[in-house]
Amino acid sequence: MQKVERRKHRGGRKRVWLAAAAVLLAGSVTAAVLLSRKPPAEPLTKEDYSGLLVSREAEELVSVTIERRGEEPWTLIRTENGELMPEGGEWTVSENQARKLTESLTQLRYEEILSEDAEVYREHPEDFGLKYPLVTVTGVYTDGKQVTLRIGGDTGMEESRRYMTVEGDDRLYAVSNGVAEDLDMEYALLHPVPKPEIYEALLDRITLTDREGGKIAEWQLRGKITDRDAGTNWMITAPFNYPADEEAISNLKKSAGNLRLGVYTAPATAENLEKYGLKQPEKTLEIHMAAGSTGTVGESGVYDVQEHDESTVRLYIGQPRDEAADYVRYGEEIFTVSHFTLAALTDPTPVKSAARYPVLTPLASLESLTVEENGEISEYTLAETEESDTASGEGRECRLNGEKMEYSTFEAAYQRLLTVTFSGELPAGAAWKEPYKKYTFRTLSGGTHTVTLSDWDGVHDAVTVDGSTLFYLIKGGMTELPSAGQ
């Protein structure tokens, strides 16, 4: 019987002696070379014992059957157009995975023949990981022939190799880990994973509902996605109404645009919906996009514009698979999706996305501002001049109650107003008096925003923004605007 080296556990003491010997040997060789002044010998090349076990054209592979350890076998068949499809399935295997399987079974290379005597491994198959193989693979070809491989345990050699046997062949082979990994294919990974078509530039509503359909959180754009002030014109519409922070909305839109489905799990049949907690989903995420256009610069440098119809992407969130992923229904299929990826949209704290600034209208978007206090009205009206730059707002003029004033004076005061930040969040049950001061902002896109100040505790004002009151501001916190004659 031919002897085969099985897996060995190398001792630490042996490594130390080998290392010491290697160091001494290296020193001796160096000294010898220096003394003899002869050129070093050619390095020894390792003998190659590898070979091709199967060599066929890719088109010759008819089907592949794979049985992974502890799992039920499944079969892929080659269609007329050369794609691989699950037997009885309605989808084709992703191109990358199909290529790996096809190459492995039509150009099957072994690294070495370890034994030609079958008794070596049949007597104790567990020593080679062959009693319960890592994976058993059968490839069938157009001429009716087939090959069945059983890949077992690690050989324990320096190179990453595994034991392999071939049905009808007594020899014991060593095959590379790379081949083993390509054949030890998880069924779920074969399914192509679609990418939800979410375009950040077209987003105008994000809604999260619970099992009963009640709104957990919702953010909605007031106006159009093409408005100049679209970035600052979002509202939190559930569980309360309040203007949303521009940066918070930008982050939400990025999170939506970065959503990716994970691994395919199963079709969305009634049985599977029940199994994965999707018959009545824990949460439903709706991402609505307005009709519009998006553009990208192609490889040729040409800006390519694409038109999109109004659309909604829906993700139904089921039970968690584990701490890292949730089961999610998208269309008529079920996937696992990273919980971290979903968390920004499905585990929100809406109050954290509320705007912390009472004044939300950028100067470039402002058409007029009216301030009412103690029966007096101050109306600041902005207008374009012939030299105006509408994008930056430069070159505009300002009038206070019809009288022209220095635009730069108003601009400086308004920029200070934009930096005012709330002092804190009003406690539950807080009560405040009637408003004593009101700001009305009108935008170039036709929108109107209001801010009112009401005495709360004598030291602070409750601030109502667009009809909603969440925060307070220290009295005098709203910076002054210029008066007539300034």
Protein backbone atom coordinates (compact mmCIF):
# COMPACT_ATOMS: atom_id res chain seq x y z
CA MET A 1 0.00 0.00 0.00
CA GLN A 2 1.29 3.40 -0.93
CA LYS A 3 1.89 5.65 2.05
CA VAL A 4 0.07 9.03 2.11
CA GLU A 5 1.07 11.79 4.45
CA ARG A 6 -1.98 12.69 6.51
CA ARG A 7 -2.61 15.91 8.40
CA LYS A 8 0.18 16.51 10.95
CA HIS A 9 0.38 18.80 13.96
CA ARG A 10 3.77 20.45 13.86
CA GLY A 11 5.30 20.97 17.30
CA GLY A 12 6.70 24.33 18.44
CA ARG A 13 9.99 22.79 19.62
CA LYS A 14 10.60 21.33 16.20
CA ARG A 15 10.02 24.73 14.60
CA VAL A 16 12.60 26.32 16.89
CA TRP A 17 15.31 23.74 15.96
CA LEU A 18 14.45 24.07 12.30
CA ALA A 19 14.68 27.85 12.50
CA ALA A 20 18.05 27.68 14.25
CA ALA A 21 19.37 25.23 11.72
CA ALA A 22 18.15 27.45 8.91
CA VAL A 23 20.00 30.46 10.36
CA LEU A 24 23.27 28.47 10.74
CA LEU A 25 22.92 27.06 7.26
CA ALA A 26 22.30 30.51 5.79
CA GLY A 27 25.42 31.83 7.51
CA SER A 28 27.55 28.94 6.23
CA VAL A 29 26.33 29.39 2.69
CA THR A 30 27.03 33.12 2.81
CA ALA A 31 30.56 32.56 4.08
CA ALA A 32 31.22 29.96 1.42
CA VAL A 33 30.07 32.26 -1.35
CA LEU A 34 32.21 35.14 -0.08
CA LEU A 35 35.31 32.96 0.18
CA SER A 36 34.95 31.23 -3.14
CA ARG A 37 33.82 34.40 -4.98
CA LYS A 38 31.76 32.14 -7.23
CA PRO A 39 28.35 33.16 -8.55
CA PRO A 40 25.44 31.63 -6.63
CA ALA A 41 23.94 28.46 -7.97
CA GLU A 42 20.64 28.58 -9.82
CA PRO A 43 17.71 28.31 -7.35
CA LEU A 44 16.02 24.95 -7.19
CA THR A 45 12.63 24.90 -8.88
CA LYS A 46 9.79 22.96 -7.35
CA GLU A 47 8.65 20.04 -9.44
CA ASP A 48 5.12 20.41 -10.79
CA TYR A 49 2.89 17.37 -10.28
CA SER A 50 -0.33 19.03 -11.39
CA GLY A 51 -2.45 18.02 -14.35
CA LEU A 52 -5.82 18.35 -16.05
CA LEU A 53 -8.39 15.81 -14.94
CA VAL A 54 -11.08 17.22 -17.23
CA SER A 55 -10.48 19.30 -20.34
CA ARG A 56 -13.58 20.31 -22.29
CA GLU A 57 -15.19 23.32 -23.91
CA ALA A 58 -17.54 25.34 -21.73
CA GLU A 59 -20.43 24.58 -24.09
CA GLU A 60 -20.07 20.85 -23.39
CA LEU A 61 -21.28 21.15 -19.80
CA VAL A 62 -24.97 20.16 -19.68
CA SER A 63 -25.72 20.21 -15.95
CA VAL A 64 -24.17 20.55 -12.50
CA THR A 65 -25.44 18.89 -9.33
CA ILE A 66 -24.01 20.06 -6.01
CA GLU A 67 -24.53 18.56 -2.56
CA ARG A 68 -22.89 20.50 0.22
CA ARG A 69 -22.23 18.86 3.55
CA GLY A 70 -25.45 18.69 5.57
CA GLU A 71 -27.62 20.16 2.79
CA GLU A 72 -29.98 18.86 0.14
CA PRO A 73 -28.55 18.55 -3.40
CA TRP A 74 -29.60 20.92 -6.17
CA THR A 75 -29.05 20.96 -9.93
CA LEU A 76 -28.29 23.62 -12.51
CA ILE A 77 -28.96 23.03 -16.20
CA ARG A 78 -27.53 24.86 -19.20
CA THR A 79 -30.13 26.63 -21.32
CA GLU A 80 -30.08 27.02 -25.10
CA ASN A 81 -28.45 30.43 -24.82
CA GLY A 82 -25.65 29.02 -22.66
CA GLU A 83 -26.81 30.32 -19.28
CA LEU A 84 -27.13 28.19 -16.15
CA MET A 85 -30.58 27.91 -14.58
CA PRO A 86 -31.81 26.01 -11.52
CA GLU A 87 -33.75 22.89 -12.46
CA GLY A 88 -37.39 23.94 -12.40
CA GLY A 89 -36.43 27.55 -11.69
CA GLU A 90 -37.28 30.76 -13.52
CA TRP A 91 -34.06 32.73 -13.06
CA THR A 92 -30.54 32.42 -14.39
CA VAL A 93 -27.38 32.15 -12.35
CA SER A 94 -25.35 35.35 -12.02
CA GLU A 95 -22.66 35.55 -14.69
CA ASN A 96 -19.71 35.50 -12.28
CA GLN A 97 -20.87 32.41 -10.37
CA ALA A 98 -21.80 30.58 -13.59
CA ARG A 99 -18.31 31.22 -14.97
CA LYS A 100 -16.63 29.81 -11.82
CA LEU A 101 -18.67 26.60 -11.90
CA THR A 102 -18.25 26.10 -15.63
CA GLU A 103 -14.49 26.64 -15.61
CA SER A 104 -14.03 24.31 -12.64
CA LEU A 105 -15.88 21.43 -14.34
CA THR A 106 -14.56 21.88 -17.88
CA GLN A 107 -10.93 22.66 -16.98
CA LEU A 108 -10.56 20.67 -13.78
CA ARG A 109 -6.97 20.77 -12.54
CA TYR A 110 -5.51 18.71 -9.71
CA GLU A 111 -2.31 19.68 -7.91
CA GLU A 112 -0.94 16.22 -7.25
CA ILE A 113 -1.81 12.52 -7.24
CA LEU A 114 -1.23 11.43 -3.66
CA SER A 115 -1.99 7.73 -4.08
CA GLU A 116 -3.15 5.26 -6.69
CA ASP A 117 -4.30 2.78 -4.07
CA ALA A 118 -7.94 3.28 -3.05
CA GLU A 119 -7.43 1.30 0.17
CA VAL A 120 -5.37 4.18 1.51
CA TYR A 121 -8.46 6.35 2.01
CA ARG A 122 -11.31 3.84 1.94
CA GLU A 123 -10.10 2.17 5.11
CA HIS A 124 -10.39 5.39 7.15
CA PRO A 125 -12.25 7.99 5.03
CA GLU A 126 -12.76 10.21 8.09
CA ASP A 127 -9.01 10.85 8.18
CA PHE A 128 -9.31 12.54 4.80
CA GLY A 129 -12.62 14.32 5.36
CA LEU A 130 -14.22 11.99 2.85
CA LYS A 131 -16.68 10.16 5.08
CA TYR A 132 -18.82 13.30 4.96
CA PRO A 133 -17.32 15.30 2.08
CA LEU A 134 -17.23 19.06 2.13
CA VAL A 135 -19.02 18.96 -1.21
CA THR A 136 -20.01 16.36 -3.82
CA VAL A 137 -20.24 17.65 -7.39
CA THR A 138 -21.48 15.92 -10.53
CA GLY A 139 -20.97 17.41 -13.97
CA VAL A 140 -22.78 15.97 -17.01
CA TYR A 141 -21.55 16.66 -20.55
CA THR A 142 -23.06 16.69 -24.04
CA ASP A 143 -21.61 13.25 -24.93
CA GLY A 144 -23.47 11.67 -22.02
CA LYS A 145 -20.39 11.21 -19.86
CA GLN A 146 -20.23 12.56 -16.35
CA VAL A 147 -17.74 13.16 -13.56
CA THR A 148 -18.52 13.01 -9.83
CA LEU A 149 -16.07 14.63 -7.43
CA ARG A 150 -15.90 14.38 -3.67
CA ILE A 151 -13.83 17.05 -1.97
CA GLY A 152 -12.76 16.38 1.61
CA GLY A 153 -10.51 17.85 4.27
CA ASP A 154 -7.35 19.91 4.26
CA THR A 155 -4.26 17.87 3.34
CA GLY A 156 -2.14 19.67 5.93
CA MET A 157 0.49 20.52 3.31
CA GLU A 158 2.15 23.93 3.14
CA GLU A 159 0.01 24.85 0.15
CA SER A 160 -3.72 25.23 0.68
CA ARG A 161 -4.98 21.96 -0.71
CA ARG A 162 -7.80 19.50 -0.08
CA TYR A 163 -8.24 15.77 -0.67
CA MET A 164 -10.38 14.82 -3.65
CA THR A 165 -11.62 11.58 -5.16
CA VAL A 166 -13.33 10.93 -8.49
CA GLU A 167 -16.04 8.30 -8.87
CA GLY A 168 -14.73 5.34 -10.91
CA ASP A 169 -11.11 6.39 -10.27
CA ASP A 170 -9.10 4.80 -7.43
CA ARG A 171 -6.58 7.61 -7.18
CA LEU A 172 -6.47 10.12 -4.33
CA TYR A 173 -5.90 13.67 -5.51
CA ALA A 174 -4.89 16.98 -3.95
CA VAL A 175 -6.89 19.90 -5.32
CA SER A 176 -6.36 23.59 -4.64
CA ASN A 177 -8.54 25.44 -2.16
CA GLY A 178 -9.51 27.78 -4.96
CA VAL A 179 -11.14 24.99 -6.95
CA ALA A 180 -12.80 23.67 -3.79
CA GLU A 181 -14.27 27.10 -2.99
CA ASP A 182 -15.58 27.55 -6.54
CA LEU A 183 -17.38 24.19 -6.35
CA ASP A 184 -18.56 24.50 -2.74
CA MET A 185 -21.12 27.01 -3.93
CA GLU A 186 -23.93 28.20 -1.68
CA TYR A 187 -27.22 28.03 -3.58
CA ALA A 188 -28.40 31.42 -2.36
CA LEU A 189 -25.32 33.11 -3.82
CA LEU A 190 -26.21 31.92 -7.32
CA HIS A 191 -29.31 34.07 -7.50
CA PRO A 192 -28.76 37.48 -9.11
CA VAL A 193 -29.50 40.31 -6.69
CA PRO A 194 -31.37 43.31 -8.14
CA LYS A 195 -30.52 46.83 -7.08
CA PRO A 196 -33.47 49.00 -6.09
CA GLU A 197 -33.61 51.98 -8.43
CA ILE A 198 -33.35 54.86 -5.98
CA TYR A 199 -32.22 58.27 -7.22
CA GLU A 200 -31.33 60.75 -4.49
CA ALA A 201 -31.95 63.76 -6.72
CA LEU A 202 -35.57 62.67 -7.33
CA LEU A 203 -36.52 61.76 -3.76
CA ASP A 204 -39.49 63.68 -2.39
CA ARG A 205 -40.94 61.41 0.30
CA ILE A 206 -39.70 58.72 2.71
CA THR A 207 -42.31 56.86 4.78
CA LEU A 208 -41.92 54.16 7.44
CA THR A 209 -45.03 52.34 8.69
CA ASP A 210 -45.63 49.70 11.35
CA ARG A 211 -47.44 46.32 11.25
CA GLU A 212 -50.86 47.99 11.27
CA GLY A 213 -49.93 50.58 8.64
CA GLY A 214 -49.52 53.42 11.11
CA LYS A 215 -46.81 55.95 10.28
CA ILE A 216 -43.71 55.61 12.44
CA ALA A 217 -41.90 58.39 10.61
CA GLU A 218 -42.27 60.36 7.42
CA TRP A 219 -40.31 63.10 5.68
CA GLN A 220 -41.76 64.96 2.73
CA LEU A 221 -40.58 67.68 0.37
CA ARG A 222 -42.78 70.76 0.14
CA GLY A 223 -42.71 71.98 -3.40
CA LYS A 224 -40.81 70.53 -6.35
CA ILE A 225 -37.47 68.75 -6.56
CA THR A 226 -36.36 71.45 -9.03
CA ASP A 227 -37.05 74.34 -6.63
CA ARG A 228 -34.05 76.43 -5.68
CA ASP A 229 -34.73 75.85 -1.97
CA ALA A 230 -35.64 72.14 -2.27
CA GLY A 231 -32.84 71.13 0.10
CA THR A 232 -34.20 73.29 2.92
CA ASN A 233 -37.88 72.70 2.23
CA TRP A 234 -38.44 69.26 3.73
CA MET A 235 -40.93 68.60 6.52
CA ILE A 236 -41.19 65.88 9.13
CA THR A 237 -44.86 64.89 8.68
CA ALA A 238 -44.96 61.96 11.15
CA PRO A 239 -45.07 61.47 14.08
CA PHE A 240 -45.30 65.28 14.23
CA ASN A 241 -45.12 68.19 11.81
CA TYR A 242 -41.95 70.22 11.78
CA PRO A 243 -39.37 71.51 9.29
CA ALA A 244 -36.54 69.06 8.78
CA ASP A 245 -32.84 69.81 9.00
CA GLU A 246 -31.14 70.08 5.63
CA GLU A 247 -28.13 68.00 6.66
CA ALA A 248 -30.33 65.32 8.26
CA ILE A 249 -32.37 65.03 5.07
CA SER A 250 -29.20 64.86 2.99
CA ASN A 251 -28.00 61.95 5.13
CA LEU A 252 -31.38 60.20 4.86
CA LYS A 253 -31.30 60.55 1.08
CA LYS A 254 -27.76 59.15 0.97
CA SER A 255 -28.82 56.20 3.13
CA ALA A 256 -31.71 55.55 0.74
CA GLY A 257 -29.44 55.81 -2.30
CA ASN A 258 -26.96 53.38 -0.73
CA LEU A 259 -29.54 50.68 0.02
CA ARG A 260 -28.39 47.29 -1.27
CA LEU A 261 -30.07 43.93 -1.04
CA GLY A 262 -27.95 41.19 0.48
CA VAL A 263 -28.28 37.47 -0.23
CA TYR A 264 -31.27 35.90 -1.98
CA THR A 265 -33.25 33.72 0.41
CA ALA A 266 -36.44 32.46 -1.25
CA PRO A 267 -39.37 33.39 -3.49
CA ALA A 268 -42.11 35.36 -1.75
CA THR A 269 -44.60 32.49 -1.56
CA ALA A 270 -47.29 32.40 1.13
CA GLU A 271 -45.32 29.72 2.98
CA ASN A 272 -42.08 31.71 2.90
CA LEU A 273 -43.77 34.96 3.89
CA GLU A 274 -45.03 33.17 6.99
CA LYS A 275 -41.65 31.56 7.63
CA TYR A 276 -39.64 34.80 7.49
CA GLY A 277 -42.07 37.06 9.34
CA LEU A 278 -43.28 38.80 6.20
CA LYS A 279 -46.93 37.77 6.14
CA GLN A 280 -47.53 40.88 8.22
CA PRO A 281 -44.21 42.76 8.01
CA GLU A 282 -42.78 44.39 11.11
CA LYS A 283 -42.20 47.58 9.09
CA THR A 284 -42.69 48.83 5.55
CA LEU A 285 -40.32 51.36 4.01
CA GLU A 286 -41.59 53.41 1.07
CA ILE A 287 -39.26 55.64 -0.90
CA HIS A 288 -41.07 57.88 -3.38
CA MET A 289 -39.42 59.62 -6.30
CA ALA A 290 -40.87 62.36 -8.47
CA ALA A 291 -40.62 62.24 -12.22
CA GLY A 292 -37.45 63.91 -13.39
CA SER A 293 -34.06 63.49 -14.96
CA THR A 294 -30.68 62.33 -13.73
CA GLY A 295 -27.34 62.59 -15.46
CA THR A 296 -23.97 60.92 -15.38
CA VAL A 297 -20.74 61.47 -17.25
CA GLY A 298 -19.89 58.42 -19.35
CA GLU A 299 -16.46 57.01 -20.13
CA SER A 300 -16.34 59.15 -23.28
CA GLY A 301 -16.86 62.29 -21.19
CA VAL A 302 -20.35 62.90 -22.54
CA TYR A 303 -23.01 63.93 -20.01
CA ASP A 304 -25.78 61.37 -20.38
CA VAL A 305 -29.24 62.48 -19.23
CA GLN A 306 -31.91 59.90 -18.38
CA GLU A 307 -35.58 60.62 -17.83
CA HIS A 308 -37.46 58.78 -15.07
CA ASP A 309 -41.16 58.38 -14.38
CA GLU A 310 -42.63 58.85 -10.92
CA SER A 311 -41.92 55.72 -8.89
CA THR A 312 -42.02 54.15 -5.44
CA VAL A 313 -39.62 51.56 -4.01
CA ARG A 314 -41.12 49.40 -1.23
CA LEU A 315 -39.19 47.22 1.17
CA TYR A 316 -41.08 45.00 3.60
CA ILE A 317 -39.06 44.29 6.74
CA GLY A 318 -39.60 40.90 8.38
CA GLN A 319 -38.04 39.14 11.33
CA PRO A 320 -34.29 39.45 11.94
CA ARG A 321 -32.14 36.61 10.66
CA ASP A 322 -29.63 37.43 13.38
CA GLU A 323 -28.09 40.54 14.95
CA ALA A 324 -26.49 41.53 11.65
CA ALA A 325 -29.26 41.09 9.07
CA ASP A 326 -33.03 41.18 8.54
CA TYR A 327 -35.27 39.34 6.12
CA VAL A 328 -36.65 41.79 3.56
CA ARG A 329 -39.18 41.34 0.78
CA TYR A 330 -38.51 43.26 -2.41
CA GLY A 331 -40.89 42.59 -5.26
CA GLU A 332 -41.70 38.90 -5.31
CA GLU A 333 -38.48 37.73 -3.67
CA ILE A 334 -37.02 37.60 -0.16
CA PHE A 335 -33.47 38.68 0.68
CA THR A 336 -31.35 39.22 3.74
CA VAL A 337 -30.24 42.84 4.16
CA SER A 338 -27.66 44.25 6.53
CA HIS A 339 -29.38 45.73 9.57
CA PHE A 340 -26.70 48.43 9.65
CA THR A 341 -27.65 49.44 6.10
CA LEU A 342 -31.34 49.65 6.98
CA ALA A 343 -31.03 51.19 10.45
CA ALA A 344 -30.83 54.86 9.39
CA LEU A 345 -34.20 54.49 7.67
CA THR A 346 -35.96 51.81 9.72
CA ASP A 347 -34.83 52.73 13.25
CA PRO A 348 -35.16 56.52 13.09
CA THR A 349 -35.49 59.14 15.81
CA PRO A 350 -37.50 61.79 13.94
CA VAL A 351 -36.87 64.56 16.47
CA LYS A 352 -33.15 64.30 15.73
CA SER A 353 -33.88 65.25 12.12
CA ALA A 354 -35.80 68.40 13.12
CA ALA A 355 -34.22 71.68 12.07
CA ARG A 356 -32.29 73.38 14.89
CA TYR A 357 -32.45 76.77 13.17
CA PRO A 358 -35.59 78.95 13.18
CA VAL A 359 -34.68 80.57 9.85
CA LEU A 360 -34.46 78.03 7.06
CA THR A 361 -34.74 80.07 3.85
CA PRO A 362 -31.38 80.73 2.15
CA LEU A 363 -30.82 84.32 1.11
CA ALA A 364 -30.54 83.33 -2.56
CA SER A 365 -34.08 81.84 -2.34
CA LEU A 366 -35.66 84.77 -0.47
CA GLU A 367 -38.10 87.08 -2.24
CA SER A 368 -39.38 89.03 0.77
CA LEU A 369 -39.39 89.07 4.57
CA THR A 370 -42.09 90.69 6.73
CA VAL A 371 -41.56 91.32 10.45
CA GLU A 372 -44.58 92.18 12.63
CA GLU A 373 -44.15 93.41 16.24
CA ASN A 374 -46.15 95.76 18.49
CA GLY A 375 -48.42 96.74 15.61
CA GLU A 376 -45.48 97.76 13.40
CA ILE A 377 -44.74 96.06 10.08
CA SER A 378 -41.34 96.01 8.38
CA GLU A 379 -41.32 94.50 4.91
CA TYR A 380 -38.00 93.76 3.22
CA THR A 381 -38.44 93.16 -0.51
CA LEU A 382 -35.63 91.83 -2.66
CA ALA A 383 -35.48 92.31 -6.40
CA GLU A 384 -33.18 91.38 -9.20
CA THR A 385 -31.17 94.01 -11.07
CA GLU A 386 -29.74 93.80 -14.54
CA GLU A 387 -26.38 92.82 -13.06
CA SER A 388 -27.85 90.19 -10.74
CA ASP A 389 -26.43 86.68 -10.52
CA THR A 390 -29.51 84.58 -9.72
CA ALA A 391 -27.42 81.62 -8.58
CA SER A 392 -25.44 83.50 -5.94
CA GLY A 393 -27.88 86.32 -5.22
CA GLU A 394 -25.23 88.92 -5.97
CA GLY A 395 -26.27 92.21 -7.49
CA ARG A 396 -29.76 92.25 -5.98
CA GLU A 397 -31.40 95.28 -4.40
CA CYS A 398 -33.36 95.58 -1.16
CA ARG A 399 -36.26 97.85 -0.22
CA LEU A 400 -37.67 98.35 3.28
CA ASN A 401 -41.35 99.34 3.13
CA GLY A 402 -40.75 100.55 -0.42
CA GLU A 403 -37.66 102.61 0.39
CA LYS A 404 -34.38 101.47 -1.11
CA MET A 405 -31.67 100.46 1.35
CA GLU A 406 -28.12 99.20 1.04
CA TYR A 407 -28.33 95.55 0.01
CA SER A 408 -25.05 94.64 1.71
CA THR A 409 -26.46 95.90 5.04
CA PHE A 410 -29.51 93.62 4.77
CA GLU A 411 -27.35 90.75 3.51
CA ALA A 412 -25.03 90.89 6.54
CA ALA A 413 -27.95 91.05 8.97
CA TYR A 414 -29.78 88.18 7.28
CA GLN A 415 -26.67 85.98 7.29
CA ARG A 416 -26.46 86.52 11.08
CA LEU A 417 -30.12 85.55 11.36
CA LEU A 418 -29.43 82.29 9.54
CA THR A 419 -26.92 81.29 12.23
CA VAL A 420 -29.37 81.59 15.14
CA THR A 421 -29.73 78.21 16.87
CA PHE A 422 -32.43 77.08 19.31
CA SER A 423 -31.49 77.04 22.99
CA GLY A 424 -33.24 73.75 23.72
CA GLU A 425 -36.26 71.48 23.33
CA LEU A 426 -39.49 72.42 25.10
CA PRO A 427 -40.50 69.95 27.83
CA ALA A 428 -43.71 67.96 27.56
CA GLY A 429 -46.71 69.97 28.76
CA ALA A 430 -44.99 73.34 28.28
CA ALA A 431 -47.38 76.29 27.87
CA TRP A 432 -46.66 79.69 26.36
CA LYS A 433 -48.41 82.99 25.75
CA GLU A 434 -49.75 84.47 22.53
CA PRO A 435 -47.15 85.40 19.88
CA TYR A 436 -45.69 88.87 20.17
CA LYS A 437 -43.47 88.77 17.06
CA LYS A 438 -43.92 87.18 13.65
CA TYR A 439 -41.57 86.65 10.70
CA THR A 440 -42.98 85.73 7.27
CA PHE A 441 -40.54 84.50 4.64
CA ARG A 442 -41.64 84.28 1.01
CA THR A 443 -39.46 82.40 -1.44
CA LEU A 444 -38.79 82.81 -5.13
CA SER A 445 -40.37 79.39 -5.74
CA GLY A 446 -43.67 80.58 -4.23
CA GLY A 447 -43.34 79.07 -0.77
CA THR A 448 -44.12 80.75 2.54
CA HIS A 449 -42.53 80.08 5.93
CA THR A 450 -43.47 81.64 9.25
CA VAL A 451 -41.65 81.99 12.59
CA THR A 452 -43.39 83.35 15.69
CA LEU A 453 -42.02 84.14 19.15
CA SER A 454 -44.12 83.64 22.28
CA ASP A 455 -43.08 84.24 25.88
CA TRP A 456 -42.62 80.92 27.67
CA ASP A 457 -41.00 81.49 31.08
CA GLY A 458 -40.00 85.14 31.06
CA VAL A 459 -36.45 84.29 30.02
CA HIS A 460 -37.09 82.19 26.95
CA ASP A 461 -39.45 82.31 23.98
CA ALA A 462 -41.29 79.34 22.54
CA VAL A 463 -40.56 79.37 18.81
CA THR A 464 -43.25 78.24 16.38
CA VAL A 465 -41.94 77.39 12.91
CA ASP A 466 -44.52 76.87 10.17
CA GLY A 467 -47.20 76.20 12.76
CA SER A 468 -45.23 73.68 14.86
CA THR A 469 -43.62 74.35 18.24
CA LEU A 470 -40.82 72.11 19.53
CA PHE A 471 -38.00 74.36 20.70
CA TYR A 472 -37.30 77.47 22.76
CA LEU A 473 -34.88 80.35 22.29
CA ILE A 474 -33.41 82.74 24.81
CA LYS A 475 -35.07 86.14 24.62
CA GLY A 476 -33.29 88.45 22.19
CA GLY A 477 -31.79 85.41 20.47
CA MET A 478 -33.16 86.42 17.08
CA THR A 479 -30.63 88.92 15.78
CA GLU A 480 -31.86 92.35 14.65
CA LEU A 481 -32.57 93.34 11.06
CA PRO A 482 -31.67 96.86 9.81
CA SER A 483 -34.20 99.65 10.24
CA ALA A 484 -35.00 102.50 7.91
CA GLY A 485 -32.06 104.79 7.20
CA GLN A 486 -29.39 102.14 7.80
